Amino acid sequence: MRSILYLLAVILIIGWLLGVFVYSLKGLIHILLVLAIISILLGLIRRGVDN
């Protein structure tokens, strides 16, 4: 499950970076960034709980 969260976070960050440079999806870009950060934080929290 952890690898899926990291994969999702990477995809969302790449989408956010592409959107920042292209300026085509103005509002959606920030939502992607927030979702990516939440995914990373959840992965870190769950990893800490598992260990």
C-alpha atoms as a PDB file:
ATOM      1  CA  MET A   1       0.000   0.000   0.000  1.00  0.00           C
ATOM      2  CA  ARG A   2       2.881   2.325   0.776  1.00  0.00           C
ATOM      3  CA  SER A   3       4.315   2.024  -2.732  1.00  0.00           C
ATOM      4  CA  ILE A   4       0.931   2.909  -4.222  1.00  0.00           C
ATOM      5  CA  LEU A   5       0.803   6.086  -2.122  1.00  0.00           C
ATOM      6  CA  TYR A   6       4.288   7.095  -3.223  1.00  0.00           C
ATOM      7  CA  LEU A   7       3.449   6.360  -6.865  1.00  0.00           C
ATOM      8  CA  LEU A   8       0.303   8.452  -6.575  1.00  0.00           C
ATOM      9  CA  ALA A   9       2.236  11.274  -4.915  1.00  0.00           C
ATOM     10  CA  VAL A  10       4.867  11.264  -7.665  1.00  0.00           C
ATOM     11  CA  ILE A  11       2.215  11.305 -10.380  1.00  0.00           C
ATOM     12  CA  LEU A  12       0.379  14.176  -8.703  1.00  0.00           C
ATOM     13  CA  ILE A  13       3.570  16.192  -8.217  1.00  0.00           C
ATOM     14  CA  ILE A  14       4.531  15.684 -11.866  1.00  0.00           C
ATOM     15  CA  GLY A  15       1.045  16.779 -12.904  1.00  0.00           C
ATOM     16  CA  TRP A  16       1.315  19.832 -10.692  1.00  0.00           C
ATOM     17  CA  LEU A  17       4.712  20.784 -12.120  1.00  0.00           C
ATOM     18  CA  LEU A  18       3.440  20.376 -15.674  1.00  0.00           C
ATOM     19  CA  GLY A  19       0.420  22.519 -14.888  1.00  0.00           C
ATOM     20  CA  VAL A  20       2.532  25.254 -13.322  1.00  0.00           C
ATOM     21  CA  PHE A  21       4.618  25.536 -16.472  1.00  0.00           C
ATOM     22  CA  VAL A  22       1.711  25.247 -18.894  1.00  0.00           C
ATOM     23  CA  TYR A  23      -0.868  27.329 -16.919  1.00  0.00           C
ATOM     24  CA  SER A  24      -3.706  25.391 -18.461  1.00  0.00           C
ATOM     25  CA  LEU A  25      -5.376  23.962 -15.342  1.00  0.00           C
ATOM     26  CA  LYS A  26      -5.098  26.851 -12.899  1.00  0.00           C
ATOM     27  CA  GLY A  27      -7.345  25.730 -10.023  1.00  0.00           C
ATOM     28  CA  LEU A  28      -6.761  22.009 -10.444  1.00  0.00           C
ATOM     29  CA  ILE A  29      -2.997  22.364 -10.134  1.00  0.00           C
ATOM     30  CA  HIS A  30      -3.133  23.422  -6.507  1.00  0.00           C
ATOM     31  CA  ILE A  31      -5.541  20.613  -5.691  1.00  0.00           C
ATOM     32  CA  LEU A  32      -3.054  18.151  -7.205  1.00  0.00           C
ATOM     33  CA  LEU A  33      -0.274  19.604  -5.064  1.00  0.00           C
ATOM     34  CA  VAL A  34      -2.338  19.322  -1.889  1.00  0.00           C
ATOM     35  CA  LEU A  35      -3.289  15.725  -2.701  1.00  0.00           C
ATOM     36  CA  ALA A  36       0.344  14.844  -3.359  1.00  0.00           C
ATOM     37  CA  ILE A  37       1.467  16.329  -0.047  1.00  0.00           C
ATOM     38  CA  ILE A  38      -1.318  14.528   1.814  1.00  0.00           C
ATOM     39  CA  SER A  39      -0.315  11.236   0.168  1.00  0.00           C
ATOM     40  CA  ILE A  40       3.313  11.691   1.197  1.00  0.00           C
ATOM     41  CA  LEU A  41       2.342  12.594   4.752  1.00  0.00           C
ATOM     42  CA  LEU A  42       0.033   9.591   5.038  1.00  0.00           C
ATOM     43  CA  GLY A  43       2.814   7.344   3.769  1.00  0.00           C
ATOM     44  CA  LEU A  44       5.262   8.743   6.306  1.00  0.00           C
ATOM     45  CA  ILE A  45       2.767   8.446   9.158  1.00  0.00           C
ATOM     46  CA  ARG A  46       1.852   4.873   8.257  1.00  0.00           C
ATOM     47  CA  ARG A  47       5.515   3.916   7.902  1.00  0.00           C
ATOM     48  CA  GLY A  48       6.185   5.320  11.364  1.00  0.00           C
ATOM     49  CA  VAL A  49       3.277   3.368  12.842  1.00  0.00           C
ATOM     50  CA  ASP A  50       4.347   0.110  11.179  1.00  0.00           C
ATOM     51  CA  ASN A  51       7.904   0.292  12.536  1.00  0.00           C
END
